[in-house]
C-alpha cells in the first residue's frame, strides 16, 4: 500500500487538477472538513454554493490516498439526481486525475502497484 500524508495529498490534488486548485486551495472551514479524521463521522451543514460537493469529493479522495480506504468501501450520497450526477462526475474526473498523477510520480514500485490496483468507478 502507498499512503500519503495530508500535505502530500494536497500537493497531489493541486498538481493533478491545476485548473481548479493550482492557484487557490480551500477556505479554512472546507479544509477542516476535508482534513477531519475517518472516525467519528463528519457531518457537514452548509448552504447553497458553499462548496459541499467539492469538500465531499476531496474528503473521499483523502480517505483513499491518505487513510488507505479502498474506493469500493466508500458510499457517497446526496439528495437529488442532478447533485448525484455532479458528485459522480467529479469523483471520476478528479479521482482519475489524481490517480494518474500519483502513478506517474510514485516513489517506488510497491506504491506504483498499489496505485495500479485502484479503481475509482
N, C-alpha and C. Protein backbone atom coordinates (compact mmCIF):
# COMPACT_ATOMS: atom_id res chain seq x y z
N UNK A 1 0.84 -1.18 0.00
CA UNK A 1 0.00 0.00 0.00
C UNK A 1 0.88 1.24 0.00
N UNK A 2 0.35 2.31 -0.51
CA UNK A 2 1.08 3.57 -0.61
C UNK A 2 0.22 4.66 0.01
N UNK A 3 0.52 5.05 1.22
CA UNK A 3 -0.25 6.11 1.85
C UNK A 3 0.53 7.41 1.82
N UNK A 4 -0.21 8.47 1.63
CA UNK A 4 0.37 9.80 1.59
C UNK A 4 0.01 10.55 2.86
N UNK A 5 0.82 11.52 3.22
CA UNK A 5 0.43 12.41 4.30
C UNK A 5 -0.63 13.36 3.74
N UNK A 6 -1.29 14.07 4.61
CA UNK A 6 -2.30 15.01 4.14
C UNK A 6 -1.66 16.09 3.26
N UNK A 7 -0.51 16.59 3.66
CA UNK A 7 0.16 17.62 2.86
C UNK A 7 0.57 17.09 1.49
N UNK A 8 1.04 15.85 1.42
CA UNK A 8 1.36 15.24 0.13
C UNK A 8 0.11 15.10 -0.72
N UNK A 9 -1.01 14.74 -0.10
CA UNK A 9 -2.28 14.63 -0.81
C UNK A 9 -2.69 15.98 -1.40
N UNK A 10 -2.57 17.03 -0.62
CA UNK A 10 -2.91 18.38 -1.11
C UNK A 10 -2.06 18.71 -2.33
N UNK A 11 -0.78 18.40 -2.26
CA UNK A 11 0.11 18.67 -3.40
C UNK A 11 -0.26 17.82 -4.61
N UNK A 12 -0.65 16.57 -4.39
CA UNK A 12 -1.10 15.71 -5.49
C UNK A 12 -2.31 16.34 -6.18
N UNK A 13 -3.29 16.73 -5.39
CA UNK A 13 -4.52 17.31 -5.95
C UNK A 13 -4.20 18.60 -6.69
N UNK A 14 -3.43 19.46 -6.08
CA UNK A 14 -3.12 20.75 -6.71
C UNK A 14 -2.32 20.57 -8.01
N UNK A 15 -1.46 19.57 -8.04
CA UNK A 15 -0.69 19.29 -9.24
C UNK A 15 -1.52 18.59 -10.31
N UNK A 16 -2.40 17.69 -9.88
CA UNK A 16 -3.19 16.91 -10.82
C UNK A 16 -4.37 17.69 -11.41
N UNK A 17 -4.86 18.68 -10.66
CA UNK A 17 -6.03 19.45 -11.09
C UNK A 17 -5.70 20.94 -10.99
N UNK A 18 -4.70 21.38 -11.75
CA UNK A 18 -4.25 22.78 -11.60
C UNK A 18 -5.30 23.81 -12.01
N UNK A 19 -6.16 23.47 -12.96
CA UNK A 19 -7.17 24.43 -13.40
C UNK A 19 -8.17 24.75 -12.30
N UNK A 20 -8.29 23.87 -11.32
CA UNK A 20 -9.25 24.08 -10.22
C UNK A 20 -8.57 24.46 -8.92
N UNK A 21 -7.39 23.86 -8.64
CA UNK A 21 -6.75 24.05 -7.35
C UNK A 21 -5.32 24.60 -7.44
N UNK A 22 -4.86 24.92 -8.64
CA UNK A 22 -3.48 25.37 -8.79
C UNK A 22 -3.17 26.67 -8.07
N UNK A 23 -4.08 27.62 -8.14
CA UNK A 23 -3.80 28.92 -7.53
C UNK A 23 -4.51 29.12 -6.19
N UNK A 24 -5.54 28.35 -5.93
CA UNK A 24 -6.29 28.52 -4.68
C UNK A 24 -6.72 27.18 -4.14
N UNK A 25 -6.54 26.98 -2.85
CA UNK A 25 -6.98 25.74 -2.21
C UNK A 25 -8.32 26.00 -1.56
N UNK A 26 -8.60 25.46 -0.45
CA UNK A 26 -9.89 25.57 0.22
C UNK A 26 -9.86 26.67 1.28
N UNK A 27 -11.06 27.13 1.68
CA UNK A 27 -11.09 28.04 2.82
C UNK A 27 -10.91 27.21 4.09
N UNK A 28 -10.79 27.85 5.24
CA UNK A 28 -10.45 27.14 6.47
C UNK A 28 -11.54 26.15 6.89
N UNK A 29 -12.81 26.48 6.70
CA UNK A 29 -13.88 25.56 7.08
C UNK A 29 -13.90 24.34 6.15
N UNK A 30 -13.70 24.56 4.86
CA UNK A 30 -13.65 23.45 3.92
C UNK A 30 -12.45 22.55 4.23
N UNK A 31 -11.32 23.17 4.49
CA UNK A 31 -10.10 22.43 4.83
C UNK A 31 -10.32 21.56 6.07
N UNK A 32 -10.97 22.11 7.07
CA UNK A 32 -11.24 21.38 8.29
C UNK A 32 -12.11 20.15 8.01
N UNK A 33 -13.10 20.29 7.15
CA UNK A 33 -13.99 19.17 6.81
C UNK A 33 -13.25 18.09 6.03
N UNK A 34 -12.42 18.48 5.08
CA UNK A 34 -11.67 17.51 4.28
C UNK A 34 -10.64 16.80 5.16
N UNK A 35 -10.00 17.55 6.02
CA UNK A 35 -8.91 17.03 6.84
C UNK A 35 -9.38 16.17 8.02
N UNK A 36 -10.63 16.27 8.39
CA UNK A 36 -11.15 15.56 9.56
C UNK A 36 -10.83 14.06 9.48
N UNK A 37 -10.60 13.44 10.64
CA UNK A 37 -10.27 12.01 10.63
C UNK A 37 -11.42 11.15 10.12
N UNK A 38 -11.09 9.95 9.76
CA UNK A 38 -12.05 8.99 9.23
C UNK A 38 -13.19 8.73 10.21
N UNK A 39 -12.86 8.58 11.47
CA UNK A 39 -13.87 8.40 12.51
C UNK A 39 -13.61 9.40 13.62
N UNK A 40 -14.64 9.88 14.25
CA UNK A 40 -16.06 9.62 14.04
C UNK A 40 -16.54 10.29 12.75
N UNK A 41 -17.74 9.93 12.29
CA UNK A 41 -18.27 10.53 11.06
C UNK A 41 -18.34 12.05 11.17
N UNK A 42 -18.18 12.70 10.04
CA UNK A 42 -18.23 14.15 9.98
C UNK A 42 -19.53 14.58 9.31
N UNK A 43 -20.27 15.45 9.94
CA UNK A 43 -21.48 16.00 9.36
C UNK A 43 -21.20 17.40 8.88
N UNK A 44 -21.54 17.67 7.64
CA UNK A 44 -21.30 18.99 7.05
C UNK A 44 -22.64 19.63 6.77
N UNK A 45 -22.87 20.77 7.37
CA UNK A 45 -24.10 21.52 7.15
C UNK A 45 -23.70 22.83 6.51
N UNK A 46 -24.21 23.06 5.30
CA UNK A 46 -23.82 24.26 4.57
C UNK A 46 -24.91 24.64 3.58
N UNK A 47 -24.97 25.89 3.25
CA UNK A 47 -25.98 26.40 2.33
C UNK A 47 -25.57 26.22 0.88
N UNK A 48 -26.39 26.76 -0.03
CA UNK A 48 -26.12 26.65 -1.47
C UNK A 48 -24.79 27.33 -1.85
N UNK A 49 -24.12 26.73 -2.82
CA UNK A 49 -22.89 27.30 -3.38
C UNK A 49 -21.79 27.57 -2.35
N UNK A 50 -21.66 26.66 -1.39
CA UNK A 50 -20.62 26.82 -0.38
C UNK A 50 -19.49 25.81 -0.56
N UNK A 51 -19.58 24.98 -1.60
CA UNK A 51 -18.51 24.02 -1.87
C UNK A 51 -18.72 22.65 -1.26
N UNK A 52 -19.96 22.28 -0.97
CA UNK A 52 -20.22 20.97 -0.36
C UNK A 52 -19.75 19.81 -1.23
N UNK A 53 -20.04 19.89 -2.53
CA UNK A 53 -19.64 18.80 -3.42
C UNK A 53 -18.12 18.72 -3.51
N UNK A 54 -17.47 19.86 -3.61
CA UNK A 54 -16.01 19.90 -3.65
C UNK A 54 -15.44 19.26 -2.39
N UNK A 55 -15.96 19.63 -1.25
CA UNK A 55 -15.47 19.09 0.02
C UNK A 55 -15.72 17.59 0.09
N UNK A 56 -16.90 17.15 -0.30
CA UNK A 56 -17.21 15.72 -0.24
C UNK A 56 -16.27 14.91 -1.14
N UNK A 57 -16.05 15.39 -2.35
CA UNK A 57 -15.17 14.67 -3.28
C UNK A 57 -13.74 14.65 -2.75
N UNK A 58 -13.24 15.77 -2.27
CA UNK A 58 -11.88 15.80 -1.74
C UNK A 58 -11.76 14.94 -0.48
N UNK A 59 -12.80 14.91 0.33
CA UNK A 59 -12.78 14.05 1.52
C UNK A 59 -12.73 12.57 1.10
N UNK A 60 -13.50 12.20 0.10
CA UNK A 60 -13.45 10.82 -0.41
C UNK A 60 -12.05 10.48 -0.91
N UNK A 61 -11.48 11.38 -1.69
CA UNK A 61 -10.13 11.14 -2.22
C UNK A 61 -9.10 11.09 -1.09
N UNK A 62 -9.28 11.92 -0.09
CA UNK A 62 -8.38 11.89 1.07
C UNK A 62 -8.48 10.55 1.77
N UNK A 63 -9.69 10.00 1.90
CA UNK A 63 -9.84 8.70 2.54
C UNK A 63 -9.07 7.62 1.76
N UNK A 64 -9.06 7.74 0.45
CA UNK A 64 -8.37 6.75 -0.38
C UNK A 64 -6.85 6.92 -0.27
N UNK A 65 -6.36 8.12 -0.53
CA UNK A 65 -4.91 8.33 -0.64
C UNK A 65 -4.20 8.54 0.69
N UNK A 66 -4.88 9.03 1.70
CA UNK A 66 -4.25 9.28 2.99
C UNK A 66 -4.62 8.21 4.01
N UNK A 67 -5.90 7.87 4.07
CA UNK A 67 -6.36 6.93 5.09
C UNK A 67 -6.30 5.47 4.63
N UNK A 68 -6.08 5.24 3.34
CA UNK A 68 -5.93 3.88 2.84
C UNK A 68 -7.22 3.10 2.67
N UNK A 69 -8.34 3.81 2.54
CA UNK A 69 -9.63 3.16 2.33
C UNK A 69 -9.76 2.83 0.85
N UNK A 70 -10.17 1.62 0.53
CA UNK A 70 -10.36 1.22 -0.88
C UNK A 70 -11.60 1.92 -1.43
N UNK A 71 -11.57 2.36 -2.68
CA UNK A 71 -12.72 3.05 -3.26
C UNK A 71 -14.03 2.26 -3.15
N UNK A 72 -13.96 0.93 -3.30
CA UNK A 72 -15.18 0.13 -3.24
C UNK A 72 -15.77 0.04 -1.83
N UNK A 73 -15.07 0.56 -0.84
CA UNK A 73 -15.57 0.57 0.53
C UNK A 73 -16.26 1.89 0.88
N UNK A 74 -16.35 2.78 -0.07
CA UNK A 74 -16.90 4.11 0.18
C UNK A 74 -18.25 4.27 -0.51
N UNK A 75 -19.20 4.82 0.22
CA UNK A 75 -20.51 5.16 -0.34
C UNK A 75 -20.71 6.66 -0.13
N UNK A 76 -21.07 7.35 -1.19
CA UNK A 76 -21.38 8.78 -1.10
C UNK A 76 -22.81 8.98 -1.57
N UNK A 77 -23.57 9.76 -0.82
CA UNK A 77 -24.96 10.01 -1.19
C UNK A 77 -25.24 11.51 -1.23
N UNK A 78 -26.30 11.82 -1.93
CA UNK A 78 -26.78 13.20 -1.98
C UNK A 78 -28.28 13.14 -2.18
N UNK A 79 -28.94 14.26 -2.28
CA UNK A 79 -30.40 14.28 -2.25
C UNK A 79 -31.09 14.37 -3.60
N UNK A 80 -30.41 14.81 -4.63
CA UNK A 80 -31.07 14.94 -5.93
C UNK A 80 -30.28 14.21 -7.00
N UNK A 81 -30.95 13.87 -8.08
CA UNK A 81 -30.27 13.20 -9.20
C UNK A 81 -29.23 14.13 -9.83
N UNK A 82 -29.56 15.40 -9.92
CA UNK A 82 -28.61 16.36 -10.50
C UNK A 82 -27.33 16.42 -9.65
N UNK A 83 -27.51 16.52 -8.34
CA UNK A 83 -26.35 16.57 -7.45
C UNK A 83 -25.58 15.25 -7.49
N UNK A 84 -26.29 14.14 -7.59
CA UNK A 84 -25.63 12.84 -7.68
C UNK A 84 -24.79 12.74 -8.95
N UNK A 85 -25.31 13.26 -10.05
CA UNK A 85 -24.56 13.27 -11.30
C UNK A 85 -23.30 14.10 -11.20
N UNK A 86 -23.41 15.26 -10.58
CA UNK A 86 -22.24 16.13 -10.40
C UNK A 86 -21.22 15.46 -9.47
N UNK A 87 -21.70 14.84 -8.42
CA UNK A 87 -20.82 14.15 -7.48
C UNK A 87 -20.05 13.04 -8.19
N UNK A 88 -20.77 12.21 -8.92
CA UNK A 88 -20.13 11.11 -9.66
C UNK A 88 -19.12 11.64 -10.68
N UNK A 89 -19.50 12.68 -11.39
CA UNK A 89 -18.63 13.26 -12.40
C UNK A 89 -17.31 13.74 -11.78
N UNK A 90 -17.41 14.42 -10.67
CA UNK A 90 -16.19 14.93 -10.02
C UNK A 90 -15.36 13.81 -9.42
N UNK A 91 -16.01 12.83 -8.81
CA UNK A 91 -15.25 11.70 -8.24
C UNK A 91 -14.43 11.04 -9.34
N UNK A 92 -15.07 10.80 -10.48
CA UNK A 92 -14.37 10.14 -11.58
C UNK A 92 -13.29 11.03 -12.18
N UNK A 93 -13.63 12.26 -12.52
CA UNK A 93 -12.64 13.11 -13.19
C UNK A 93 -11.49 13.50 -12.26
N UNK A 94 -11.80 13.96 -11.07
CA UNK A 94 -10.74 14.33 -10.14
C UNK A 94 -10.00 13.10 -9.63
N UNK A 95 -10.75 12.03 -9.35
CA UNK A 95 -10.12 10.82 -8.84
C UNK A 95 -9.11 10.24 -9.81
N UNK A 96 -9.50 10.15 -11.08
CA UNK A 96 -8.55 9.61 -12.07
C UNK A 96 -7.42 10.58 -12.36
N UNK A 97 -7.68 11.87 -12.28
CA UNK A 97 -6.59 12.85 -12.48
C UNK A 97 -5.55 12.69 -11.38
N UNK A 98 -6.00 12.58 -10.13
CA UNK A 98 -5.06 12.41 -9.01
C UNK A 98 -4.36 11.05 -9.10
N UNK A 99 -5.11 10.01 -9.42
CA UNK A 99 -4.54 8.68 -9.56
C UNK A 99 -3.48 8.64 -10.66
N UNK A 100 -3.78 9.22 -11.80
CA UNK A 100 -2.82 9.25 -12.91
C UNK A 100 -1.55 10.02 -12.52
N UNK A 101 -1.74 11.18 -11.90
CA UNK A 101 -0.59 11.98 -11.49
C UNK A 101 0.24 11.22 -10.45
N UNK A 102 -0.43 10.64 -9.46
CA UNK A 102 0.29 9.89 -8.41
C UNK A 102 1.04 8.71 -9.02
N UNK A 103 0.41 8.02 -9.98
CA UNK A 103 1.07 6.87 -10.62
C UNK A 103 2.32 7.29 -11.38
N UNK A 104 2.26 8.43 -12.04
CA UNK A 104 3.41 8.93 -12.79
C UNK A 104 4.54 9.37 -11.88
N UNK A 105 4.21 9.70 -10.63
CA UNK A 105 5.21 10.21 -9.70
C UNK A 105 5.36 9.32 -8.46
N UNK A 106 5.03 8.04 -8.61
CA UNK A 106 5.11 7.10 -7.48
C UNK A 106 6.55 6.99 -6.99
N UNK A 107 6.74 7.01 -5.68
CA UNK A 107 8.10 6.97 -5.14
C UNK A 107 8.80 5.62 -5.27
N UNK A 108 8.02 4.54 -5.46
CA UNK A 108 8.64 3.21 -5.56
C UNK A 108 7.70 2.24 -6.27
N UNK A 109 8.21 1.04 -6.55
CA UNK A 109 7.45 0.02 -7.27
C UNK A 109 6.23 -0.44 -6.48
N UNK A 110 6.37 -0.58 -5.19
CA UNK A 110 5.26 -1.02 -4.34
C UNK A 110 4.10 -0.02 -4.41
N UNK A 111 4.44 1.23 -4.35
CA UNK A 111 3.43 2.29 -4.44
C UNK A 111 2.79 2.27 -5.83
N UNK A 112 3.60 2.09 -6.84
CA UNK A 112 3.11 2.03 -8.22
C UNK A 112 2.10 0.89 -8.37
N UNK A 113 2.39 -0.26 -7.80
CA UNK A 113 1.48 -1.41 -7.88
C UNK A 113 0.18 -1.14 -7.14
N UNK A 114 0.27 -0.54 -5.96
CA UNK A 114 -0.93 -0.24 -5.18
C UNK A 114 -1.82 0.74 -5.94
N UNK A 115 -1.22 1.77 -6.49
CA UNK A 115 -1.97 2.76 -7.26
C UNK A 115 -2.61 2.11 -8.49
N UNK A 116 -1.88 1.19 -9.12
CA UNK A 116 -2.39 0.50 -10.30
C UNK A 116 -3.61 -0.38 -9.99
N UNK A 117 -3.77 -0.76 -8.74
CA UNK A 117 -4.90 -1.58 -8.35
C UNK A 117 -6.14 -0.81 -7.94
N UNK A 118 -6.05 0.51 -7.92
CA UNK A 118 -7.21 1.33 -7.54
C UNK A 118 -8.15 1.52 -8.71
N UNK A 119 -9.43 1.40 -8.46
CA UNK A 119 -10.45 1.63 -9.48
C UNK A 119 -11.44 2.64 -8.92
N UNK A 120 -11.50 3.80 -9.51
CA UNK A 120 -12.35 4.88 -9.00
C UNK A 120 -13.83 4.71 -9.35
N UNK A 121 -14.16 3.74 -10.19
CA UNK A 121 -15.56 3.58 -10.56
C UNK A 121 -16.29 2.87 -9.46
